[in-house]
């Protein structure tokens, strides 16, 4: 499953540079699927949604750091554990996202899709 940053986030930014998918953004920051990936132009995500990878999207939070679910691979294909959780100084600030439960196979497929 993807992970999410809770409202206990202190906005320290420790997690952001550790994400191999550049799926973590600061409060209020716009984002795109192309950021930190090999995606460009019109693409069809693994969930079937068609997007322009280069198009900037509205921030998902103005209050604390956030994770773009469609870019999160739980660091599968890069590391043995989620780097955002490992580097976060606030216990239980970054947790599994119960709304996005995914198998390791799906996470690895996403990693290949984003960086292949």
C-alpha atoms as a PDB file:
ATOM      1  CA  UNK A   1       0.000   0.000   0.000  1.00  0.00           C
ATOM      2  CA  UNK A   2       1.049   3.573  -0.376  1.00  0.00           C
ATOM      3  CA  UNK A   3       1.895   5.544   2.722  1.00  0.00           C
ATOM      4  CA  UNK A   4       0.517   8.863   3.894  1.00  0.00           C
ATOM      5  CA  UNK A   5       1.722  11.707   6.047  1.00  0.00           C
ATOM      6  CA  UNK A   6      -0.572  12.503   8.960  1.00  0.00           C
ATOM      7  CA  UNK A   7      -1.396  15.846  10.521  1.00  0.00           C
ATOM      8  CA  UNK A   8       1.301  15.223  13.146  1.00  0.00           C
ATOM      9  CA  UNK A   9       3.836  16.326  10.507  1.00  0.00           C
ATOM     10  CA  UNK A  10       6.096  19.114  11.797  1.00  0.00           C
ATOM     11  CA  UNK A  11       7.131  20.138   8.244  1.00  0.00           C
ATOM     12  CA  UNK A  12      10.800  19.376   8.885  1.00  0.00           C
ATOM     13  CA  UNK A  13      11.375  18.132   5.297  1.00  0.00           C
ATOM     14  CA  UNK A  14      13.416  15.100   6.412  1.00  0.00           C
ATOM     15  CA  UNK A  15      11.317  12.779   4.244  1.00  0.00           C
ATOM     16  CA  UNK A  16      11.246  14.715   0.972  1.00  0.00           C
ATOM     17  CA  UNK A  17      14.830  14.200  -0.281  1.00  0.00           C
ATOM     18  CA  UNK A  18      14.739  10.508   0.681  1.00  0.00           C
ATOM     19  CA  UNK A  19      11.909   9.582  -1.713  1.00  0.00           C
ATOM     20  CA  UNK A  20      13.303   7.846  -4.825  1.00  0.00           C
ATOM     21  CA  UNK A  21      10.106   8.668  -6.741  1.00  0.00           C
ATOM     22  CA  UNK A  22       9.878  12.327  -5.745  1.00  0.00           C
ATOM     23  CA  UNK A  23       6.365  11.540  -4.491  1.00  0.00           C
ATOM     24  CA  UNK A  24       6.639  13.790  -1.421  1.00  0.00           C
ATOM     25  CA  UNK A  25       5.927  17.503  -1.648  1.00  0.00           C
ATOM     26  CA  UNK A  26       6.014  20.426   0.760  1.00  0.00           C
ATOM     27  CA  UNK A  27       2.789  22.117   1.844  1.00  0.00           C
ATOM     28  CA  UNK A  28       1.227  24.137  -0.950  1.00  0.00           C
ATOM     29  CA  UNK A  29       3.621  22.858  -3.629  1.00  0.00           C
ATOM     30  CA  UNK A  30       2.255  21.932  -7.031  1.00  0.00           C
ATOM     31  CA  UNK A  31       3.388  18.567  -8.397  1.00  0.00           C
ATOM     32  CA  UNK A  32       3.501  16.505 -11.589  1.00  0.00           C
ATOM     33  CA  UNK A  33       3.855  12.840 -12.444  1.00  0.00           C
ATOM     34  CA  UNK A  34       7.014  13.719 -14.396  1.00  0.00           C
ATOM     35  CA  UNK A  35       8.832  15.039 -11.308  1.00  0.00           C
ATOM     36  CA  UNK A  36      11.578  12.555 -10.473  1.00  0.00           C
ATOM     37  CA  UNK A  37      10.368   9.943 -12.972  1.00  0.00           C
ATOM     38  CA  UNK A  38      10.918   9.046 -16.626  1.00  0.00           C
ATOM     39  CA  UNK A  39       7.313   9.900 -17.512  1.00  0.00           C
ATOM     40  CA  UNK A  40       6.569  12.635 -20.016  1.00  0.00           C
ATOM     41  CA  UNK A  41       3.551  13.702 -22.052  1.00  0.00           C
ATOM     42  CA  UNK A  42       0.270  11.789 -22.106  1.00  0.00           C
ATOM     43  CA  UNK A  43       0.430   8.547 -20.097  1.00  0.00           C
ATOM     44  CA  UNK A  44      -2.038   6.017 -18.780  1.00  0.00           C
ATOM     45  CA  UNK A  45      -1.425   5.253 -15.119  1.00  0.00           C
ATOM     46  CA  UNK A  46      -1.679   1.711 -13.800  1.00  0.00           C
ATOM     47  CA  UNK A  47      -5.143   2.530 -12.427  1.00  0.00           C
ATOM     48  CA  UNK A  48      -6.310   3.374 -15.976  1.00  0.00           C
ATOM     49  CA  UNK A  49      -6.393   7.147 -15.482  1.00  0.00           C
ATOM     50  CA  UNK A  50      -4.967   9.145 -18.390  1.00  0.00           C
ATOM     51  CA  UNK A  51      -2.863  12.167 -17.445  1.00  0.00           C
ATOM     52  CA  UNK A  52      -0.367  14.585 -18.894  1.00  0.00           C
ATOM     53  CA  UNK A  53       2.732  13.727 -16.854  1.00  0.00           C
ATOM     54  CA  UNK A  54       4.168  17.209 -17.358  1.00  0.00           C
ATOM     55  CA  UNK A  55       1.039  19.082 -16.254  1.00  0.00           C
ATOM     56  CA  UNK A  56       1.294  20.704 -12.849  1.00  0.00           C
ATOM     57  CA  UNK A  57      -1.303  19.560 -10.325  1.00  0.00           C
ATOM     58  CA  UNK A  58      -2.774  21.417  -7.359  1.00  0.00           C
ATOM     59  CA  UNK A  59      -1.172  20.787  -3.973  1.00  0.00           C
ATOM     60  CA  UNK A  60      -2.848  18.027  -1.960  1.00  0.00           C
ATOM     61  CA  UNK A  61      -2.200  19.866   1.315  1.00  0.00           C
ATOM     62  CA  UNK A  62      -1.485  23.428   2.314  1.00  0.00           C
ATOM     63  CA  UNK A  63      -0.768  22.479   5.924  1.00  0.00           C
ATOM     64  CA  UNK A  64       1.805  19.666   5.901  1.00  0.00           C
ATOM     65  CA  UNK A  65       3.935  17.552   3.593  1.00  0.00           C
ATOM     66  CA  UNK A  66       1.999  15.098   1.429  1.00  0.00           C
ATOM     67  CA  UNK A  67       2.584  11.990  -0.690  1.00  0.00           C
ATOM     68  CA  UNK A  68       1.195  11.524  -4.203  1.00  0.00           C
ATOM     69  CA  UNK A  69      -0.256   8.009  -4.069  1.00  0.00           C
ATOM     70  CA  UNK A  70       0.181   7.318  -7.798  1.00  0.00           C
ATOM     71  CA  UNK A  71       3.934   7.893  -7.403  1.00  0.00           C
ATOM     72  CA  UNK A  72       4.505   6.006  -4.124  1.00  0.00           C
ATOM     73  CA  UNK A  73       6.090   2.560  -4.398  1.00  0.00           C
ATOM     74  CA  UNK A  74       6.928   2.192  -0.683  1.00  0.00           C
ATOM     75  CA  UNK A  75      10.515   2.324  -1.977  1.00  0.00           C
ATOM     76  CA  UNK A  76      10.090  -1.126  -3.583  1.00  0.00           C
ATOM     77  CA  UNK A  77      12.781  -1.621  -6.195  1.00  0.00           C
ATOM     78  CA  UNK A  78      15.049   0.868  -4.386  1.00  0.00           C
ATOM     79  CA  UNK A  79      15.280   0.083  -0.657  1.00  0.00           C
ATOM     80  CA  UNK A  80      14.251  -2.576   1.876  1.00  0.00           C
ATOM     81  CA  UNK A  81      12.056  -0.145   3.811  1.00  0.00           C
ATOM     82  CA  UNK A  82      10.173   3.088   3.266  1.00  0.00           C
ATOM     83  CA  UNK A  83      12.785   5.817   3.480  1.00  0.00           C
ATOM     84  CA  UNK A  84      10.278   8.503   4.426  1.00  0.00           C
ATOM     85  CA  UNK A  85       9.327   6.531   7.540  1.00  0.00           C
ATOM     86  CA  UNK A  86      12.948   5.695   8.352  1.00  0.00           C
ATOM     87  CA  UNK A  87      14.045   9.350   8.262  1.00  0.00           C
ATOM     88  CA  UNK A  88      10.969  10.945   9.847  1.00  0.00           C
ATOM     89  CA  UNK A  89      11.729  12.164  13.392  1.00  0.00           C
ATOM     90  CA  UNK A  90       8.054  12.053  14.446  1.00  0.00           C
ATOM     91  CA  UNK A  91       6.842   8.577  15.490  1.00  0.00           C
ATOM     92  CA  UNK A  92       3.800   7.361  13.525  1.00  0.00           C
ATOM     93  CA  UNK A  93       3.691  10.519  11.407  1.00  0.00           C
ATOM     94  CA  UNK A  94       3.952   8.516   8.179  1.00  0.00           C
ATOM     95  CA  UNK A  95       1.714   5.461   8.135  1.00  0.00           C
ATOM     96  CA  UNK A  96       0.321   2.880   5.706  1.00  0.00           C
ATOM     97  CA  UNK A  97      -2.581   4.384   3.761  1.00  0.00           C
ATOM     98  CA  UNK A  98      -5.626   2.175   4.451  1.00  0.00           C
ATOM     99  CA  UNK A  99      -7.346   3.622   1.351  1.00  0.00           C
ATOM    100  CA  UNK A 100      -4.559   2.409  -0.960  1.00  0.00           C
ATOM    101  CA  UNK A 101      -3.701  -1.184  -0.093  1.00  0.00           C
ATOM    102  CA  UNK A 102      -1.444  -2.646  -2.801  1.00  0.00           C
ATOM    103  CA  UNK A 103       0.597  -5.807  -3.183  1.00  0.00           C
ATOM    104  CA  UNK A 104       4.356  -5.848  -3.568  1.00  0.00           C
ATOM    105  CA  UNK A 105       3.844  -6.904  -7.197  1.00  0.00           C
ATOM    106  CA  UNK A 106       1.763  -3.785  -7.900  1.00  0.00           C
ATOM    107  CA  UNK A 107       4.322  -1.549  -6.177  1.00  0.00           C
ATOM    108  CA  UNK A 108       7.155  -3.067  -8.222  1.00  0.00           C
ATOM    109  CA  UNK A 109       5.091  -2.664 -11.395  1.00  0.00           C
ATOM    110  CA  UNK A 110       4.619   1.025 -10.515  1.00  0.00           C
ATOM    111  CA  UNK A 111       8.358   1.407  -9.910  1.00  0.00           C
ATOM    112  CA  UNK A 112       9.058  -0.015 -13.387  1.00  0.00           C
ATOM    113  CA  UNK A 113       6.336   2.168 -14.910  1.00  0.00           C
ATOM    114  CA  UNK A 114       7.732   5.342 -13.314  1.00  0.00           C
ATOM    115  CA  UNK A 115      11.403   4.669 -13.986  1.00  0.00           C
ATOM    116  CA  UNK A 116      11.572   2.020 -16.706  1.00  0.00           C
END
